[in-house]
Amino acid sequence: MRWFTLDEFDSPDLPGSGAFMQQEFLDRLDEARHLARVPFRINSGFRTSDRNKHVGGSEYSSHLTGWAADISATNSNRRWLIIEALLQVGFTRIGVADTFVHVDMDPSKAQNCLWLY
């Protein structure tokens, strides 16, 4: 990867767990980061079941299988640049919150979805 290291995706309770991220997802995210030309700080990548429960994640969270990440975005311009780049590289599952953008490409879930937190 050009813009990321696997440890950025580690679950805080399991060092090295960024290695459980899906390579296809990471490659596409790396491409989006290049296009956005702004840093993507990963708030959450892979999550263990315990970590997912701790943060109130869905029991079917795509973070559990390495198909998702939450990217820090604390203002509207940053959210726009991140989302624009994610769409350009073909991501079709995006969630928007006040402080982050969730992106995933979980093949087991409906595509072409945008939601708010």
PDB file of N, CA and C in Angstrom:
ATOM      1  N   MET A   1       0.835  -1.175   0.000  1.00  0.00           N
ATOM      2  CA  MET A   1       0.000   0.000   0.000  1.00  0.00           C
ATOM      3  C   MET A   1       0.886   1.247   0.000  1.00  0.00           C
ATOM      4  N   ARG A   2       0.391   2.229  -0.684  1.00  0.00           N
ATOM      5  CA  ARG A   2       1.151   3.465  -0.824  1.00  0.00           C
ATOM      6  C   ARG A   2       0.931   4.420   0.349  1.00  0.00           C
ATOM      7  N   TRP A   3      -0.316   4.509   0.850  1.00  0.00           N
ATOM      8  CA  TRP A   3      -0.658   5.539   1.812  1.00  0.00           C
ATOM      9  C   TRP A   3      -0.927   5.022   3.218  1.00  0.00           C
ATOM     10  N   PHE A   4      -0.970   3.726   3.418  1.00  0.00           N
ATOM     11  CA  PHE A   4      -1.335   3.168   4.710  1.00  0.00           C
ATOM     12  C   PHE A   4      -0.336   2.110   5.157  1.00  0.00           C
ATOM     13  N   THR A   5      -0.343   1.826   6.448  1.00  0.00           N
ATOM     14  CA  THR A   5       0.337   0.665   7.000  1.00  0.00           C
ATOM     15  C   THR A   5      -0.729  -0.181   7.682  1.00  0.00           C
ATOM     16  N   LEU A   6      -0.532  -1.483   7.730  1.00  0.00           N
ATOM     17  CA  LEU A   6      -1.557  -2.360   8.284  1.00  0.00           C
ATOM     18  C   LEU A   6      -1.886  -2.051   9.734  1.00  0.00           C
ATOM     19  N   ASP A   7      -0.911  -1.580  10.492  1.00  0.00           N
ATOM     20  CA  ASP A   7      -1.188  -1.324  11.911  1.00  0.00           C
ATOM     21  C   ASP A   7      -2.206  -0.199  12.112  1.00  0.00           C
ATOM     22  N   GLU A   8      -2.426   0.644  11.119  1.00  0.00           N
ATOM     23  CA  GLU A   8      -3.461   1.672  11.220  1.00  0.00           C
ATOM     24  C   GLU A   8      -4.851   1.050  11.320  1.00  0.00           C
ATOM     25  N   PHE A   9      -4.973  -0.191  10.891  1.00  0.00           N
ATOM     26  CA  PHE A   9      -6.266  -0.878  10.860  1.00  0.00           C
ATOM     27  C   PHE A   9      -6.426  -1.857  12.022  1.00  0.00           C
ATOM     28  N   ASP A  10      -5.445  -1.911  12.925  1.00  0.00           N
ATOM     29  CA  ASP A  10      -5.504  -2.831  14.062  1.00  0.00           C
ATOM     30  C   ASP A  10      -6.670  -2.511  14.983  1.00  0.00           C
ATOM     31  N   SER A  11      -7.306  -3.559  15.491  1.00  0.00           N
ATOM     32  CA  SER A  11      -8.232  -3.404  16.607  1.00  0.00           C
ATOM     33  C   SER A  11      -7.381  -3.095  17.829  1.00  0.00           C
ATOM     34  N   PRO A  12      -7.737  -2.105  18.636  1.00  0.00           N
ATOM     35  CA  PRO A  12      -6.878  -1.727  19.765  1.00  0.00           C
ATOM     36  C   PRO A  12      -6.579  -2.876  20.736  1.00  0.00           C
ATOM     37  N   ASP A  13      -7.445  -3.857  20.777  1.00  0.00           N
ATOM     38  CA  ASP A  13      -7.257  -4.972  21.701  1.00  0.00           C
ATOM     39  C   ASP A  13      -6.539  -6.168  21.075  1.00  0.00           C
ATOM     40  N   LEU A  14      -6.083  -6.031  19.819  1.00  0.00           N
ATOM     41  CA  LEU A  14      -5.374  -7.129  19.164  1.00  0.00           C
ATOM     42  C   LEU A  14      -4.320  -6.577  18.204  1.00  0.00           C
ATOM     43  N   PRO A  15      -3.140  -6.259  18.714  1.00  0.00           N
ATOM     44  CA  PRO A  15      -2.067  -5.772  17.842  1.00  0.00           C
ATOM     45  C   PRO A  15      -1.812  -6.751  16.687  1.00  0.00           C
ATOM     46  N   GLY A  16      -1.592  -6.193  15.515  1.00  0.00           N
ATOM     47  CA  GLY A  16      -1.342  -7.010  14.334  1.00  0.00           C
ATOM     48  C   GLY A  16      -2.596  -7.431  13.590  1.00  0.00           C
ATOM     49  N   SER A  17      -3.759  -7.081  14.119  1.00  0.00           N
ATOM     50  CA  SER A  17      -5.017  -7.532  13.509  1.00  0.00           C
ATOM     51  C   SER A  17      -5.355  -6.797  12.214  1.00  0.00           C
ATOM     52  N   GLY A  18      -4.630  -5.735  11.899  1.00  0.00           N
ATOM     53  CA  GLY A  18      -4.827  -5.084  10.605  1.00  0.00           C
ATOM     54  C   GLY A  18      -4.557  -6.041   9.453  1.00  0.00           C
ATOM     55  N   ALA A  19      -3.812  -7.099   9.736  1.00  0.00           N
ATOM     56  CA  ALA A  19      -3.533  -8.124   8.717  1.00  0.00           C
ATOM     57  C   ALA A  19      -4.799  -8.874   8.303  1.00  0.00           C
ATOM     58  N   PHE A  20      -5.874  -8.744   9.086  1.00  0.00           N
ATOM     59  CA  PHE A  20      -7.141  -9.407   8.750  1.00  0.00           C
ATOM     60  C   PHE A  20      -7.999  -8.581   7.796  1.00  0.00           C
ATOM     61  N   MET A  21      -7.518  -7.387   7.427  1.00  0.00           N
ATOM     62  CA  MET A  21      -8.264  -6.571   6.469  1.00  0.00           C
ATOM     63  C   MET A  21      -8.226  -7.231   5.092  1.00  0.00           C
ATOM     64  N   GLN A  22      -9.275  -7.045   4.327  1.00  0.00           N
ATOM     65  CA  GLN A  22      -9.374  -7.606   2.982  1.00  0.00           C
ATOM     66  C   GLN A  22      -8.494  -6.794   2.027  1.00  0.00           C
ATOM     67  N   GLN A  23      -7.623  -7.467   1.308  1.00  0.00           N
ATOM     68  CA  GLN A  23      -6.676  -6.768   0.430  1.00  0.00           C
ATOM     69  C   GLN A  23      -7.374  -5.957  -0.651  1.00  0.00           C
ATOM     70  N   GLU A  24      -8.436  -6.481  -1.214  1.00  0.00           N
ATOM     71  CA  GLU A  24      -9.178  -5.757  -2.253  1.00  0.00           C
ATOM     72  C   GLU A  24      -9.715  -4.432  -1.704  1.00  0.00           C
ATOM     73  N   PHE A  25     -10.205  -4.461  -0.468  1.00  0.00           N
ATOM     74  CA  PHE A  25     -10.687  -3.245   0.189  1.00  0.00           C
ATOM     75  C   PHE A  25      -9.550  -2.249   0.389  1.00  0.00           C
ATOM     76  N   LEU A  26      -8.427  -2.726   0.907  1.00  0.00           N
ATOM     77  CA  LEU A  26      -7.280  -1.850   1.163  1.00  0.00           C
ATOM     78  C   LEU A  26      -6.743  -1.224  -0.118  1.00  0.00           C
ATOM     79  N   ASP A  27      -6.687  -2.005  -1.183  1.00  0.00           N
ATOM     80  CA  ASP A  27      -6.201  -1.473  -2.463  1.00  0.00           C
ATOM     81  C   ASP A  27      -7.092  -0.337  -2.963  1.00  0.00           C
ATOM     82  N   ARG A  28      -8.391  -0.531  -2.847  1.00  0.00           N
ATOM     83  CA  ARG A  28      -9.318   0.501  -3.319  1.00  0.00           C
ATOM     84  C   ARG A  28      -9.254   1.738  -2.421  1.00  0.00           C
ATOM     85  N   LEU A  29      -9.132   1.522  -1.115  1.00  0.00           N
ATOM     86  CA  LEU A  29      -9.018   2.642  -0.187  1.00  0.00           C
ATOM     87  C   LEU A  29      -7.737   3.437  -0.443  1.00  0.00           C
ATOM     88  N   ASP A  30      -6.669   2.730  -0.740  1.00  0.00           N
ATOM     89  CA  ASP A  30      -5.395   3.367  -1.056  1.00  0.00           C
ATOM     90  C   ASP A  30      -5.535   4.253  -2.298  1.00  0.00           C
ATOM     91  N   GLU A  31      -6.254   3.750  -3.291  1.00  0.00           N
ATOM     92  CA  GLU A  31      -6.487   4.521  -4.513  1.00  0.00           C
ATOM     93  C   GLU A  31      -7.315   5.780  -4.208  1.00  0.00           C
ATOM     94  N   ALA A  32      -8.324   5.638  -3.354  1.00  0.00           N
ATOM     95  CA  ALA A  32      -9.156   6.793  -2.987  1.00  0.00           C
ATOM     96  C   ALA A  32      -8.330   7.842  -2.256  1.00  0.00           C
ATOM     97  N   ARG A  33      -7.460   7.392  -1.369  1.00  0.00           N
ATOM     98  CA  ARG A  33      -6.606   8.334  -0.634  1.00  0.00           C
ATOM     99  C   ARG A  33      -5.725   9.122  -1.602  1.00  0.00           C
ATOM    100  N   HIS A  34      -5.208   8.452  -2.605  1.00  0.00           N
ATOM    101  CA  HIS A  34      -4.385   9.123  -3.608  1.00  0.00           C
ATOM    102  C   HIS A  34      -5.195  10.206  -4.335  1.00  0.00           C
ATOM    103  N   LEU A  35      -6.407   9.882  -4.723  1.00  0.00           N
ATOM    104  CA  LEU A  35      -7.246  10.846  -5.450  1.00  0.00           C
ATOM    105  C   LEU A  35      -7.685  12.022  -4.579  1.00  0.00           C
ATOM    106  N   ALA A  36      -7.968  11.753  -3.310  1.00  0.00           N
ATOM    107  CA  ALA A  36      -8.476  12.800  -2.418  1.00  0.00           C
ATOM    108  C   ALA A  36      -7.417  13.850  -2.111  1.00  0.00           C
ATOM    109  N   ARG A  37      -6.168  13.448  -2.103  1.00  0.00           N
ATOM    110  CA  ARG A  37      -5.057  14.351  -1.802  1.00  0.00           C
ATOM    111  C   ARG A  37      -5.161  14.997  -0.422  1.00  0.00           C
ATOM    112  N   VAL A  38      -5.820  14.281   0.483  1.00  0.00           N
ATOM    113  CA  VAL A  38      -5.837  14.662   1.904  1.00  0.00           C
ATOM    114  C   VAL A  38      -5.582  13.384   2.697  1.00  0.00           C
ATOM    115  N   PRO A  39      -4.969  13.507   3.860  1.00  0.00           N
ATOM    116  CA  PRO A  39      -4.728  12.307   4.668  1.00  0.00           C
ATOM    117  C   PRO A  39      -6.029  11.619   5.065  1.00  0.00           C
ATOM    118  N   PHE A  40      -5.996  10.314   5.113  1.00  0.00           N
ATOM    119  CA  PHE A  40      -7.094   9.510   5.642  1.00  0.00           C
ATOM    120  C   PHE A  40      -6.603   8.942   6.973  1.00  0.00           C
ATOM    121  N   ARG A  41      -7.097   9.492   8.089  1.00  0.00           N
ATOM    122  CA  ARG A  41      -6.744   8.938   9.393  1.00  0.00           C
ATOM    123  C   ARG A  41      -7.810   7.908   9.751  1.00  0.00           C
ATOM    124  N   ILE A  42      -7.389   6.680   9.961  1.00  0.00           N
ATOM    125  CA  ILE A  42      -8.310   5.581  10.229  1.00  0.00           C
ATOM    126  C   ILE A  42      -8.671   5.568  11.713  1.00  0.00           C
ATOM    127  N   ASN A  43      -9.955   5.779  11.999  1.00  0.00           N
ATOM    128  CA  ASN A  43     -10.454   5.695  13.376  1.00  0.00           C
ATOM    129  C   ASN A  43     -10.706   4.248  13.774  1.00  0.00           C
ATOM    130  N   SER A  44     -11.159   3.458  12.817  1.00  0.00           N
ATOM    131  CA  SER A  44     -11.511   2.069  13.097  1.00  0.00           C
ATOM    132  C   SER A  44     -11.380   1.260  11.818  1.00  0.00           C
ATOM    133  N   GLY A  45     -10.652   0.177  11.898  1.00  0.00           N
ATOM    134  CA  GLY A  45     -10.514  -0.738  10.767  1.00  0.00           C
ATOM    135  C   GLY A  45     -11.066  -2.085  11.188  1.00  0.00           C
ATOM    136  N   PHE A  46     -10.191  -3.070  11.309  1.00  0.00           N
ATOM    137  CA  PHE A  46     -10.629  -4.379  11.797  1.00  0.00           C
ATOM    138  C   PHE A  46     -11.043  -4.258  13.262  1.00  0.00           C
ATOM    139  N   ARG A  47     -12.101  -4.973  13.634  1.00  0.00           N
ATOM    140  CA  ARG A  47     -12.522  -5.024  15.033  1.00  0.00           C
ATOM    141  C   ARG A  47     -12.694  -6.470  15.484  1.00  0.00           C
ATOM    142  N   THR A  48     -12.208  -6.746  16.680  1.00  0.00           N
ATOM    143  CA  THR A  48     -12.529  -8.024  17.309  1.00  0.00           C
ATOM    144  C   THR A  48     -13.986  -7.952  17.771  1.00  0.00           C
ATOM    145  N   SER A  49     -14.564  -9.079  18.077  1.00  0.00           N
ATOM    146  CA  SER A  49     -15.947  -9.089  18.589  1.00  0.00           C
ATOM    147  C   SER A  49     -16.068  -8.264  19.854  1.00  0.00           C
ATOM    148  N   ASP A  50     -15.087  -8.399  20.751  1.00  0.00           N
ATOM    149  CA  ASP A  50     -15.121  -7.626  22.002  1.00  0.00           C
ATOM    150  C   ASP A  50     -15.061  -6.129  21.723  1.00  0.00           C
ATOM    151  N   ARG A  51     -14.177  -5.720  20.842  1.00  0.00           N
ATOM    152  CA  ARG A  51     -14.050  -4.297  20.508  1.00  0.00           C
ATOM    153  C   ARG A  51     -15.328  -3.789  19.856  1.00  0.00           C
ATOM    154  N   ASN A  52     -15.896  -4.576  18.967  1.00  0.00           N
ATOM    155  CA  ASN A  52     -17.118  -4.183  18.284  1.00  0.00           C
ATOM    156  C   ASN A  52     -18.252  -3.970  19.291  1.00  0.00           C
ATOM    157  N   LYS A  53     -18.365  -4.856  20.271  1.00  0.00           N
ATOM    158  CA  LYS A  53     -19.383  -4.686  21.319  1.00  0.00           C
ATOM    159  C   LYS A  53     -19.099  -3.430  22.122  1.00  0.00           C
ATOM    160  N   HIS A  54     -17.840  -3.204  22.454  1.00  0.00           N
ATOM    161  CA  HIS A  54     -17.437  -2.038  23.255  1.00  0.00           C
ATOM    162  C   HIS A  54     -17.837  -0.722  22.589  1.00  0.00           C
ATOM    163  N   VAL A  55     -17.717  -0.642  21.260  1.00  0.00           N
ATOM    164  CA  VAL A  55     -18.046   0.606  20.556  1.00  0.00           C
ATOM    165  C   VAL A  55     -19.504   0.650  20.097  1.00  0.00           C
ATOM    166  N   GLY A  56     -20.278  -0.386  20.411  1.00  0.00           N
ATOM    167  CA  GLY A  56     -21.690  -0.407  20.034  1.00  0.00           C
ATOM    168  C   GLY A  56     -21.938  -0.737  18.584  1.00  0.00           C
ATOM    169  N   GLY A  57     -21.002  -1.464  17.959  1.00  0.00           N
ATOM    170  CA  GLY A  57     -21.163  -1.848  16.555  1.00  0.00           C
ATOM    171  C   GLY A  57     -22.214  -2.922  16.362  1.00  0.00           C
ATOM    172  N   SER A  58     -22.737  -2.994  15.182  1.00  0.00           N
ATOM    173  CA  SER A  58     -23.720  -4.020  14.823  1.00  0.00           C
ATOM    174  C   SER A  58     -23.094  -5.409  14.926  1.00  0.00           C
ATOM    175  N   GLU A  59     -23.881  -6.387  15.303  1.00  0.00           N
ATOM    176  CA  GLU A  59     -23.342  -7.746  15.358  1.00  0.00           C
ATOM    177  C   GLU A  59     -22.970  -8.257  13.967  1.00  0.00           C
ATOM    178  N   TYR A  60     -23.442  -7.580  12.937  1.00  0.00           N
ATOM    179  CA  TYR A  60     -23.108  -7.938  11.550  1.00  0.00           C
ATOM    180  C   TYR A  60     -22.139  -6.932  10.921  1.00  0.00           C
ATOM    181  N   SER A  61     -21.428  -6.186  11.752  1.00  0.00           N
ATOM    182  CA  SER A  61     -20.528  -5.139  11.276  1.00  0.00           C
ATOM    183  C   SER A  61     -19.501  -5.673  10.278  1.00  0.00           C
ATOM    184  N   SER A  62     -19.299  -4.923   9.228  1.00  0.00           N
ATOM    185  CA  SER A  62     -18.288  -5.275   8.224  1.00  0.00           C
ATOM    186  C   SER A  62     -16.871  -5.091   8.758  1.00  0.00           C
ATOM    187  N   HIS A  63     -16.724  -4.392   9.868  1.00  0.00           N
ATOM    188  CA  HIS A  63     -15.416  -4.262  10.522  1.00  0.00           C
ATOM    189  C   HIS A  63     -14.938  -5.627  11.028  1.00  0.00           C
ATOM    190  N   LEU A  64     -15.855  -6.509  11.371  1.00  0.00           N
ATOM    191  CA  LEU A  64     -15.508  -7.826  11.917  1.00  0.00           C
ATOM    192  C   LEU A  64     -14.855  -8.735  10.886  1.00  0.00           C
ATOM    193  N   THR A  65     -15.078  -8.440   9.621  1.00  0.00           N
ATOM    194  CA  THR A  65     -14.548  -9.286   8.547  1.00  0.00           C
ATOM    195  C   THR A  65     -13.499  -8.575   7.697  1.00  0.00           C
ATOM    196  N   GLY A  66     -13.106  -7.373   8.110  1.00  0.00           N
ATOM    197  CA  GLY A  66     -12.051  -6.660   7.398  1.00  0.00           C
ATOM    198  C   GLY A  66     -12.492  -5.976   6.121  1.00  0.00           C
ATOM    199  N   TRP A  67     -13.788  -5.743   5.987  1.00  0.00           N
ATOM    200  CA  TRP A  67     -14.306  -5.087   4.788  1.00  0.00           C
ATOM    201  C   TRP A  67     -14.644  -3.621   5.011  1.00  0.00           C
ATOM    202  N   ALA A  68     -14.315  -3.030   6.192  1.00  0.00           N
ATOM    203  CA  ALA A  68     -14.765  -1.666   6.482  1.00  0.00           C
ATOM    204  C   ALA A  68     -13.709  -0.860   7.210  1.00  0.00           C
ATOM    205  N   ALA A  69     -13.849   0.458   7.094  1.00  0.00           N
ATOM    206  CA  ALA A  69     -13.016   1.389   7.858  1.00  0.00           C
ATOM    207  C   ALA A  69     -13.809   2.662   8.109  1.00  0.00           C
ATOM    208  N   ASP A  70     -13.483   3.312   9.216  1.00  0.00           N
ATOM    209  CA  ASP A  70     -14.019   4.634   9.519  1.00  0.00           C
ATOM    210  C   ASP A  70     -12.864   5.618   9.390  1.00  0.00           C
ATOM    211  N   ILE A  71     -13.075   6.658   8.603  1.00  0.00           N
ATOM    212  CA  ILE A  71     -12.047   7.655   8.300  1.00  0.00           C
ATOM    213  C   ILE A  71     -12.414   8.963   8.996  1.00  0.00           C
ATOM    214  N   SER A  72     -11.493   9.521   9.753  1.00  0.00           N
ATOM    215  CA  SER A  72     -11.745  10.767  10.454  1.00  0.00           C
ATOM    216  C   SER A  72     -12.076  11.877   9.455  1.00  0.00           C
ATOM    217  N   ALA A  73     -13.148  12.610   9.754  1.00  0.00           N
ATOM    218  CA  ALA A  73     -13.562  13.739   8.908  1.00  0.00           C
ATOM    219  C   ALA A  73     -14.368  14.686   9.792  1.00  0.00           C
ATOM    220  N   THR A  74     -13.754  15.762  10.231  1.00  0.00           N
ATOM    221  CA  THR A  74     -14.392  16.625  11.221  1.00  0.00           C
ATOM    222  C   THR A  74     -14.945  17.931  10.662  1.00  0.00           C
ATOM    223  N   ASN A  75     -14.878  18.087   9.346  1.00  0.00           N
ATOM    224  CA  ASN A  75     -15.531  19.265   8.757  1.00  0.00           C
ATOM    225  C   ASN A  75     -16.108  18.897   7.398  1.00  0.00           C
ATOM    226  N   SER A  76     -16.987  19.746   6.905  1.00  0.00           N
ATOM    227  CA  SER A  76     -17.732  19.406   5.688  1.00  0.00           C
ATOM    228  C   SER A  76     -16.833  19.297   4.464  1.00  0.00           C
ATOM    229  N   ASN A  77     -15.801  20.146   4.371  1.00  0.00           N
ATOM    230  CA  ASN A  77     -14.902  20.054   3.217  1.00  0.00           C
ATOM    231  C   ASN A  77     -14.151  18.733   3.209  1.00  0.00           C
ATOM    232  N   ARG A  78     -13.652  18.319   4.347  1.00  0.00           N
ATOM    233  CA  ARG A  78     -12.923  17.043   4.432  1.00  0.00           C
ATOM    234  C   ARG A  78     -13.854  15.871   4.094  1.00  0.00           C
ATOM    235  N   ARG A  79     -15.094  15.910   4.622  1.00  0.00           N
ATOM    236  CA  ARG A  79     -16.056  14.848   4.294  1.00  0.00           C
ATOM    237  C   ARG A  79     -16.281  14.804   2.785  1.00  0.00           C
ATOM    238  N   TRP A  80     -16.452  15.966   2.164  1.00  0.00           N
ATOM    239  CA  TRP A  80     -16.683  16.022   0.716  1.00  0.00           C
ATOM    240  C   TRP A  80     -15.516  15.400  -0.051  1.00  0.00           C
ATOM    241  N   LEU A  81     -14.283  15.797   0.265  1.00  0.00           N
ATOM    242  CA  LEU A  81     -13.119  15.271  -0.454  1.00  0.00           C
ATOM    243  C   LEU A  81     -12.995  13.752  -0.300  1.00  0.00           C
ATOM    244  N   ILE A  82     -13.247  13.266   0.895  1.00  0.00           N
ATOM    245  CA  ILE A  82     -13.165  11.825   1.142  1.00  0.00           C
ATOM    246  C   ILE A  82     -14.254  11.087   0.380  1.00  0.00           C
ATOM    247  N   ILE A  83     -15.488  11.551   0.501  1.00  0.00           N
ATOM    248  CA  ILE A  83     -16.611  10.864  -0.162  1.00  0.00           C
ATOM    249  C   ILE A  83     -16.470  10.920  -1.675  1.00  0.00           C
ATOM    250  N   GLU A  84     -16.075  12.058  -2.204  1.00  0.00           N
ATOM    251  CA  GLU A  84     -15.885  12.181  -3.657  1.00  0.00           C
ATOM    252  C   GLU A  84     -14.869  11.148  -4.153  1.00  0.00           C
ATOM    253  N   ALA A  85     -13.759  11.010  -3.447  1.00  0.00           N
ATOM    254  CA  ALA A  85     -12.733  10.051  -3.852  1.00  0.00           C
ATOM    255  C   ALA A  85     -13.227   8.611  -3.697  1.00  0.00           C
ATOM    256  N   LEU A  86     -13.948   8.331  -2.632  1.00  0.00           N
ATOM    257  CA  LEU A  86     -14.484   6.977  -2.433  1.00  0.00           C
ATOM    258  C   LEU A  86     -15.414   6.580  -3.576  1.00  0.00           C
ATOM    259  N   LEU A  87     -16.268   7.512  -3.975  1.00  0.00           N
ATOM    260  CA  LEU A  87     -17.184   7.237  -5.091  1.00  0.00           C
ATOM    261  C   LEU A  87     -16.418   7.057  -6.402  1.00  0.00           C
ATOM    262  N   GLN A  88     -15.389   7.867  -6.620  1.00  0.00           N
ATOM    263  CA  GLN A  88     -14.621   7.787  -7.865  1.00  0.00           C
ATOM    264  C   GLN A  88     -13.970   6.417  -8.045  1.00  0.00           C
ATOM    265  N   VAL A  89     -13.572   5.780  -6.948  1.00  0.00           N
ATOM    266  CA  VAL A  89     -12.905   4.480  -7.086  1.00  0.00           C
ATOM    267  C   VAL A  89     -13.883   3.310  -6.989  1.00  0.00           C
ATOM    268  N   GLY A  90     -15.176   3.613  -6.845  1.00  0.00           N
ATOM    269  CA  GLY A  90     -16.178   2.559  -6.928  1.00  0.00           C
ATOM    270  C   GLY A  90     -16.755   2.047  -5.627  1.00  0.00           C
ATOM    271  N   PHE A  91     -16.482   2.706  -4.507  1.00  0.00           N
ATOM    272  CA  PHE A  91     -17.149   2.289  -3.266  1.00  0.00           C
ATOM    273  C   PHE A  91     -18.632   2.614  -3.377  1.00  0.00           C
ATOM    274  N   THR A  92     -19.481   1.708  -2.902  1.00  0.00           N
ATOM    275  CA  THR A  92     -20.927   1.903  -3.011  1.00  0.00           C
ATOM    276  C   THR A  92     -21.646   1.752  -1.671  1.00  0.00           C
ATOM    277  N   ARG A  93     -20.878   1.709  -0.577  1.00  0.00           N
ATOM    278  CA  ARG A  93     -21.470   1.644   0.767  1.00  0.00           C
ATOM    279  C   ARG A  93     -20.757   2.677   1.645  1.00  0.00           C
ATOM    280  N   ILE A  94     -21.454   3.778   1.937  1.00  0.00           N
ATOM    281  CA  ILE A  94     -20.841   4.886   2.666  1.00  0.00           C
ATOM    282  C   ILE A  94     -21.801   5.387   3.741  1.00  0.00           C
ATOM    283  N   GLY A  95     -21.276   5.551   4.940  1.00  0.00           N
ATOM    284  CA  GLY A  95     -22.032   6.140   6.039  1.00  0.00           C
ATOM    285  C   GLY A  95     -21.360   7.424   6.477  1.00  0.00           C
ATOM    286  N   VAL A  96     -22.151   8.441   6.790  1.00  0.00           N
ATOM    287  CA  VAL A  96     -21.605   9.753   7.125  1.00  0.00           C
ATOM    288  C   VAL A  96     -22.023  10.134   8.544  1.00  0.00           C
ATOM    289  N   ALA A  97     -21.030  10.490   9.354  1.00  0.00           N
ATOM    290  CA  ALA A  97     -21.257  10.968  10.714  1.00  0.00           C
ATOM    291  C   ALA A  97     -20.609  12.337  10.874  1.00  0.00           C
ATOM    292  N   ASP A  98     -20.801  12.947  12.024  1.00  0.00           N
ATOM    293  CA  ASP A  98     -20.212  14.266  12.272  1.00  0.00           C
ATOM    294  C   ASP A  98     -18.692  14.231  12.271  1.00  0.00           C
ATOM    295  N   THR A  99     -18.102  13.122  12.727  1.00  0.00           N
ATOM    296  CA  THR A  99     -16.652  13.082  12.905  1.00  0.00           C
ATOM    297  C   THR A  99     -15.943  12.042  12.048  1.00  0.00           C
ATOM    298  N   PHE A 100     -16.682  11.279  11.266  1.00  0.00           N
ATOM    299  CA  PHE A 100     -16.043  10.260  10.435  1.00  0.00           C
ATOM    300  C   PHE A 100     -16.908   9.895   9.240  1.00  0.00           C
ATOM    301  N   VAL A 101     -16.256   9.255   8.271  1.00  0.00           N
ATOM    302  CA  VAL A 101     -16.943   8.650   7.125  1.00  0.00           C
ATOM    303  C   VAL A 101     -16.665   7.155   7.193  1.00  0.00           C
ATOM    304  N   HIS A 102     -17.726   6.374   7.222  1.00  0.00           N
ATOM    305  CA  HIS A 102     -17.602   4.915   7.176  1.00  0.00           C
ATOM    306  C   HIS A 102     -17.634   4.505   5.716  1.00  0.00           C
ATOM    307  N   VAL A 103     -16.765   3.576   5.357  1.00  0.00           N
ATOM    308  CA  VAL A 103     -16.789   3.012   4.008  1.00  0.00           C
ATOM    309  C   VAL A 103     -16.596   1.511   4.123  1.00  0.00           C
ATOM    310  N   ASP A 104     -17.356   0.786   3.327  1.00  0.00           N
ATOM    311  CA  ASP A 104     -17.123  -0.653   3.273  1.00  0.00           C
ATOM    312  C   ASP A 104     -17.489  -1.173   1.897  1.00  0.00           C
ATOM    313  N   MET A 105     -17.005  -2.352   1.624  1.00  0.00           N
ATOM    314  CA  MET A 105     -17.360  -3.026   0.370  1.00  0.00           C
ATOM    315  C   MET A 105     -17.659  -4.492   0.660  1.00  0.00           C
ATOM    316  N   ASP A 106     -18.435  -4.702   1.711  1.00  0.00           N
ATOM    317  CA  ASP A 106     -18.820  -6.036   2.148  1.00  0.00           C
ATOM    318  C   ASP A 106     -19.687  -6.691   1.071  1.00  0.00           C
ATOM    319  N   PRO A 107     -19.210  -7.777   0.467  1.00  0.00           N
ATOM    320  CA  PRO A 107     -19.970  -8.397  -0.613  1.00  0.00           C
ATOM    321  C   PRO A 107     -21.257  -9.080  -0.150  1.00  0.00           C
ATOM    322  N   SER A 108     -21.418  -9.261   1.163  1.00  0.00           N
ATOM    323  CA  SER A 108     -22.621  -9.925   1.672  1.00  0.00           C
ATOM    324  C   SER A 108     -23.757  -8.944   1.940  1.00  0.00           C
ATOM    325  N   LYS A 109     -23.519  -7.649   1.690  1.00  0.00           N
ATOM    326  CA  LYS A 109     -24.521  -6.638   2.011  1.00  0.00           C
ATOM    327  C   LYS A 109     -24.982  -5.900   0.764  1.00  0.00           C
ATOM    328  N   ALA A 110     -26.164  -5.270   0.884  1.00  0.00           N
ATOM    329  CA  ALA A 110     -26.726  -4.492  -0.229  1.00  0.00           C
ATOM    330  C   ALA A 110     -25.745  -3.390  -0.630  1.00  0.00           C
ATOM    331  N   GLN A 111     -25.675  -3.129  -1.909  1.00  0.00           N
ATOM    332  CA  GLN A 111     -24.788  -2.104  -2.453  1.00  0.00           C
ATOM    333  C   GLN A 111     -25.598  -0.844  -2.771  1.00  0.00           C
ATOM    334  N   ASN A 112     -24.892   0.211  -3.184  1.00  0.00           N
ATOM    335  CA  ASN A 112     -25.506   1.493  -3.534  1.00  0.00           C
ATOM    336  C   ASN A 112     -26.305   2.051  -2.362  1.00  0.00           C
ATOM    337  N   CYS A 113     -25.644   2.141  -1.208  1.00  0.00           N
ATOM    338  CA  CYS A 113     -26.252   2.613   0.025  1.00  0.00           C
ATOM    339  C   CYS A 113     -25.478   3.797   0.600  1.00  0.00           C
ATOM    340  N   LEU A 114     -26.197   4.780   1.057  1.00  0.00           N
ATOM    341  CA  LEU A 114     -25.611   5.910   1.753  1.00  0.00           C
ATOM    342  C   LEU A 114     -26.475   6.145   2.976  1.00  0.00           C
ATOM    343  N   TRP A 115     -25.863   6.262   4.157  1.00  0.00           N
ATOM    344  CA  TRP A 115     -26.632   6.462   5.366  1.00  0.00           C
ATOM    345  C   TRP A 115     -25.952   7.467   6.273  1.00  0.00           C
ATOM    346  N   LEU A 116     -26.722   7.960   7.229  1.00  0.00           N
ATOM    347  CA  LEU A 116     -26.246   8.920   8.216  1.00  0.00           C
ATOM    348  C   LEU A 116     -26.221   8.266   9.594  1.00  0.00           C
ATOM    349  N   TYR A 117     -25.292   8.703  10.420  1.00  0.00           N
ATOM    350  CA  TYR A 117     -25.232   8.226  11.804  1.00  0.00           C
ATOM    351  C   TYR A 117     -25.808   9.293  12.698  1.00  0.00           C
TER     352      TYR A 117
END
